[in-house]
């Protein structure tokens, strides 16, 4: 379900049931839920996303908070902070909590087309510190 109380604010949520096949051929039923909030103006956007999955043997939940700013009509700055927790009884070696930050700089060629260079720093028990640089090209179609 989504709700747009104004032209600049949007809120959406979803939920469901997920069936997962366990290694011992047992099916697991899990509840899933997610919610998003976004506020956008001509030059800025910021928001948050929360999601989770719960079952008898597993738990996955977390959130992202982000901001985007457009400067001088074409230059883009983006930032994101993430916190996620994974716990799985069937794969206990993969259970971990991670925290990460992402900063990106880019250029907007058209309203729905931009190029970004993104730096991500993530820390968890599984990857220790992950330091990654990614180049993105997003090309939007006609409105």
C-alpha atoms as a PDB file:
ATOM      1  CA  UNK A   1       0.000   0.000   0.000  1.00  0.00           C
ATOM      2  CA  UNK A   2       1.215   3.482  -0.725  1.00  0.00           C
ATOM      3  CA  UNK A   3       0.068   6.909   0.326  1.00  0.00           C
ATOM      4  CA  UNK A   4       1.084  10.293  -1.026  1.00  0.00           C
ATOM      5  CA  UNK A   5      -0.267  12.993   1.314  1.00  0.00           C
ATOM      6  CA  UNK A   6       1.322  15.744  -0.796  1.00  0.00           C
ATOM      7  CA  UNK A   7       3.325  16.154  -3.981  1.00  0.00           C
ATOM      8  CA  UNK A   8       6.577  15.991  -1.988  1.00  0.00           C
ATOM      9  CA  UNK A   9       5.902  13.180   0.526  1.00  0.00           C
ATOM     10  CA  UNK A  10       5.312   9.485  -0.123  1.00  0.00           C
ATOM     11  CA  UNK A  11       4.853   6.592   2.287  1.00  0.00           C
ATOM     12  CA  UNK A  12       4.555   2.931   1.350  1.00  0.00           C
ATOM     13  CA  UNK A  13       4.370  -0.344   3.205  1.00  0.00           C
ATOM     14  CA  UNK A  14       4.118  -3.997   2.272  1.00  0.00           C
ATOM     15  CA  UNK A  15       3.905  -7.305   4.031  1.00  0.00           C
ATOM     16  CA  UNK A  16       3.498 -10.936   3.262  1.00  0.00           C
ATOM     17  CA  UNK A  17       4.322 -14.532   3.936  1.00  0.00           C
ATOM     18  CA  UNK A  18       7.338 -16.288   2.513  1.00  0.00           C
ATOM     19  CA  UNK A  19       7.884 -20.026   2.263  1.00  0.00           C
ATOM     20  CA  UNK A  20      11.503 -21.116   2.397  1.00  0.00           C
ATOM     21  CA  UNK A  21      12.912 -24.612   1.927  1.00  0.00           C
ATOM     22  CA  UNK A  22      15.288 -25.539   4.760  1.00  0.00           C
ATOM     23  CA  UNK A  23      18.350 -27.799   4.273  1.00  0.00           C
ATOM     24  CA  UNK A  24      16.569 -30.662   6.048  1.00  0.00           C
ATOM     25  CA  UNK A  25      13.742 -30.491   3.429  1.00  0.00           C
ATOM     26  CA  UNK A  26      11.455 -28.781   5.929  1.00  0.00           C
ATOM     27  CA  UNK A  27       9.426 -25.805   4.738  1.00  0.00           C
ATOM     28  CA  UNK A  28       9.535 -22.680   6.839  1.00  0.00           C
ATOM     29  CA  UNK A  29       6.941 -19.976   6.938  1.00  0.00           C
ATOM     30  CA  UNK A  30       8.198 -16.440   7.503  1.00  0.00           C
ATOM     31  CA  UNK A  31       6.437 -13.109   7.871  1.00  0.00           C
ATOM     32  CA  UNK A  32       7.898 -10.174   5.939  1.00  0.00           C
ATOM     33  CA  UNK A  33       7.300  -6.449   6.326  1.00  0.00           C
ATOM     34  CA  UNK A  34       8.743  -3.297   4.833  1.00  0.00           C
ATOM     35  CA  UNK A  35       8.016   0.416   5.021  1.00  0.00           C
ATOM     36  CA  UNK A  36       9.432   3.395   3.124  1.00  0.00           C
ATOM     37  CA  UNK A  37       9.221   7.121   3.663  1.00  0.00           C
ATOM     38  CA  UNK A  38      10.453   9.710   1.175  1.00  0.00           C
ATOM     39  CA  UNK A  39      10.374  13.493   1.068  1.00  0.00           C
ATOM     40  CA  UNK A  40      11.401  15.203  -2.161  1.00  0.00           C
ATOM     41  CA  UNK A  41      11.757  18.831  -3.168  1.00  0.00           C
ATOM     42  CA  UNK A  42      13.227  20.328  -6.331  1.00  0.00           C
ATOM     43  CA  UNK A  43      16.833  20.009  -5.100  1.00  0.00           C
ATOM     44  CA  UNK A  44      16.676  17.510  -2.200  1.00  0.00           C
ATOM     45  CA  UNK A  45      15.406  14.073  -1.304  1.00  0.00           C
ATOM     46  CA  UNK A  46      15.673  12.182   1.946  1.00  0.00           C
ATOM     47  CA  UNK A  47      13.990   9.209   3.461  1.00  0.00           C
ATOM     48  CA  UNK A  48      14.194   5.880   5.218  1.00  0.00           C
ATOM     49  CA  UNK A  49      13.477   2.245   4.483  1.00  0.00           C
ATOM     50  CA  UNK A  50      12.789  -0.393   7.132  1.00  0.00           C
ATOM     51  CA  UNK A  51      12.308  -4.070   6.421  1.00  0.00           C
ATOM     52  CA  UNK A  52      12.257  -7.353   8.248  1.00  0.00           C
ATOM     53  CA  UNK A  53      11.573 -11.059   8.072  1.00  0.00           C
ATOM     54  CA  UNK A  54      10.752 -13.225  11.059  1.00  0.00           C
ATOM     55  CA  UNK A  55      10.268 -16.976  11.447  1.00  0.00           C
ATOM     56  CA  UNK A  56      10.903 -19.602  14.118  1.00  0.00           C
ATOM     57  CA  UNK A  57      14.489 -20.126  12.971  1.00  0.00           C
ATOM     58  CA  UNK A  58      15.545 -16.909  11.248  1.00  0.00           C
ATOM     59  CA  UNK A  59      15.436 -13.165  11.667  1.00  0.00           C
ATOM     60  CA  UNK A  60      16.498 -10.476   9.219  1.00  0.00           C
ATOM     61  CA  UNK A  61      15.773  -6.830   9.788  1.00  0.00           C
ATOM     62  CA  UNK A  62      17.291  -3.435   9.317  1.00  0.00           C
ATOM     63  CA  UNK A  63      17.022   0.046   7.948  1.00  0.00           C
ATOM     64  CA  UNK A  64      18.602   2.550   5.577  1.00  0.00           C
ATOM     65  CA  UNK A  65      18.480   6.322   5.982  1.00  0.00           C
ATOM     66  CA  UNK A  66      19.469   8.362   2.944  1.00  0.00           C
ATOM     67  CA  UNK A  67      19.761  11.896   1.607  1.00  0.00           C
ATOM     68  CA  UNK A  68      20.299  13.294  -1.875  1.00  0.00           C
ATOM     69  CA  UNK A  69      21.136  16.882  -2.821  1.00  0.00           C
ATOM     70  CA  UNK A  70      21.389  18.447  -6.279  1.00  0.00           C
ATOM     71  CA  UNK A  71      23.722  21.439  -6.563  1.00  0.00           C
ATOM     72  CA  UNK A  72      23.849  23.912  -9.454  1.00  0.00           C
ATOM     73  CA  UNK A  73      21.094  21.980 -11.270  1.00  0.00           C
ATOM     74  CA  UNK A  74      23.299  19.039 -12.332  1.00  0.00           C
ATOM     75  CA  UNK A  75      25.783  17.953  -9.626  1.00  0.00           C
ATOM     76  CA  UNK A  76      24.491  15.257  -7.275  1.00  0.00           C
ATOM     77  CA  UNK A  77      25.594  14.290  -3.769  1.00  0.00           C
ATOM     78  CA  UNK A  78      24.106  11.190  -2.092  1.00  0.00           C
ATOM     79  CA  UNK A  79      24.656   9.658   1.321  1.00  0.00           C
ATOM     80  CA  UNK A  80      23.274   6.574   3.073  1.00  0.00           C
ATOM     81  CA  UNK A  81      23.630   4.985   6.510  1.00  0.00           C
ATOM     82  CA  UNK A  82      22.607   1.328   6.929  1.00  0.00           C
ATOM     83  CA  UNK A  83      22.185  -1.044   9.866  1.00  0.00           C
ATOM     84  CA  UNK A  84      21.143  -4.668   9.240  1.00  0.00           C
ATOM     85  CA  UNK A  85      20.985  -7.783  11.435  1.00  0.00           C
ATOM     86  CA  UNK A  86      20.837 -11.361  10.120  1.00  0.00           C
ATOM     87  CA  UNK A  87      20.306 -14.429  12.297  1.00  0.00           C
ATOM     88  CA  UNK A  88      19.719 -17.862  10.760  1.00  0.00           C
ATOM     89  CA  UNK A  89      19.644 -21.119  12.746  1.00  0.00           C
ATOM     90  CA  UNK A  90      20.294 -23.183   9.602  1.00  0.00           C
ATOM     91  CA  UNK A  91      23.418 -21.183   8.700  1.00  0.00           C
ATOM     92  CA  UNK A  92      24.733 -19.861  12.025  1.00  0.00           C
ATOM     93  CA  UNK A  93      28.088 -18.931  10.490  1.00  0.00           C
ATOM     94  CA  UNK A  94      26.251 -16.331   8.381  1.00  0.00           C
ATOM     95  CA  UNK A  95      24.520 -14.626  11.317  1.00  0.00           C
ATOM     96  CA  UNK A  96      25.865 -11.098  11.724  1.00  0.00           C
ATOM     97  CA  UNK A  97      25.100  -7.434  12.218  1.00  0.00           C
ATOM     98  CA  UNK A  98      26.443  -4.965   9.673  1.00  0.00           C
ATOM     99  CA  UNK A  99      26.725  -1.212   9.628  1.00  0.00           C
ATOM    100  CA  UNK A 100      27.620   0.735   6.532  1.00  0.00           C
ATOM    101  CA  UNK A 101      27.946   4.148   4.999  1.00  0.00           C
ATOM    102  CA  UNK A 102      27.819   5.185   1.378  1.00  0.00           C
ATOM    103  CA  UNK A 103      28.755   8.505  -0.200  1.00  0.00           C
ATOM    104  CA  UNK A 104      28.296   9.228  -3.898  1.00  0.00           C
ATOM    105  CA  UNK A 105      29.078  12.156  -6.186  1.00  0.00           C
ATOM    106  CA  UNK A 106      27.713  12.471  -9.673  1.00  0.00           C
ATOM    107  CA  UNK A 107      26.303  14.431 -12.537  1.00  0.00           C
ATOM    108  CA  UNK A 108      22.665  14.534 -13.731  1.00  0.00           C
ATOM    109  CA  UNK A 109      22.499  14.694 -17.544  1.00  0.00           C
ATOM    110  CA  UNK A 110      18.689  14.770 -17.702  1.00  0.00           C
ATOM    111  CA  UNK A 111      15.880  14.552 -15.125  1.00  0.00           C
ATOM    112  CA  UNK A 112      16.060  10.725 -15.058  1.00  0.00           C
ATOM    113  CA  UNK A 113      19.635  10.120 -16.245  1.00  0.00           C
ATOM    114  CA  UNK A 114      22.737  10.403 -14.046  1.00  0.00           C
ATOM    115  CA  UNK A 115      26.229   9.016 -13.546  1.00  0.00           C
ATOM    116  CA  UNK A 116      27.633   8.439 -10.039  1.00  0.00           C
ATOM    117  CA  UNK A 117      30.850   7.311  -8.401  1.00  0.00           C
ATOM    118  CA  UNK A 118      30.014   5.706  -5.077  1.00  0.00           C
ATOM    119  CA  UNK A 119      32.209   4.829  -2.089  1.00  0.00           C
ATOM    120  CA  UNK A 120      30.852   2.216   0.317  1.00  0.00           C
ATOM    121  CA  UNK A 121      32.352   1.287   3.673  1.00  0.00           C
ATOM    122  CA  UNK A 122      30.720  -1.623   5.480  1.00  0.00           C
ATOM    123  CA  UNK A 123      31.671  -3.444   8.652  1.00  0.00           C
ATOM    124  CA  UNK A 124      30.398  -6.821   9.844  1.00  0.00           C
ATOM    125  CA  UNK A 125      31.747  -9.999  11.377  1.00  0.00           C
ATOM    126  CA  UNK A 126      31.592 -11.695   7.960  1.00  0.00           C
ATOM    127  CA  UNK A 127      33.508  -9.197   5.832  1.00  0.00           C
ATOM    128  CA  UNK A 128      35.422  -7.289   8.533  1.00  0.00           C
ATOM    129  CA  UNK A 129      35.727  -4.001   6.637  1.00  0.00           C
ATOM    130  CA  UNK A 130      34.545  -3.855   3.039  1.00  0.00           C
ATOM    131  CA  UNK A 131      35.740  -0.832   1.123  1.00  0.00           C
ATOM    132  CA  UNK A 132      34.208  -0.643  -2.338  1.00  0.00           C
ATOM    133  CA  UNK A 133      34.068   1.954  -5.125  1.00  0.00           C
ATOM    134  CA  UNK A 134      31.349   1.579  -7.759  1.00  0.00           C
ATOM    135  CA  UNK A 135      30.527   3.593 -10.877  1.00  0.00           C
ATOM    136  CA  UNK A 136      26.819   3.801 -11.790  1.00  0.00           C
ATOM    137  CA  UNK A 137      25.050   4.996 -14.910  1.00  0.00           C
ATOM    138  CA  UNK A 138      21.260   5.312 -14.571  1.00  0.00           C
ATOM    139  CA  UNK A 139      19.375   5.975 -17.783  1.00  0.00           C
ATOM    140  CA  UNK A 140      15.667   6.824 -17.519  1.00  0.00           C
ATOM    141  CA  UNK A 141      13.102   6.534 -20.265  1.00  0.00           C
ATOM    142  CA  UNK A 142      10.654   9.111 -21.445  1.00  0.00           C
ATOM    143  CA  UNK A 143       8.117  10.377 -18.888  1.00  0.00           C
END
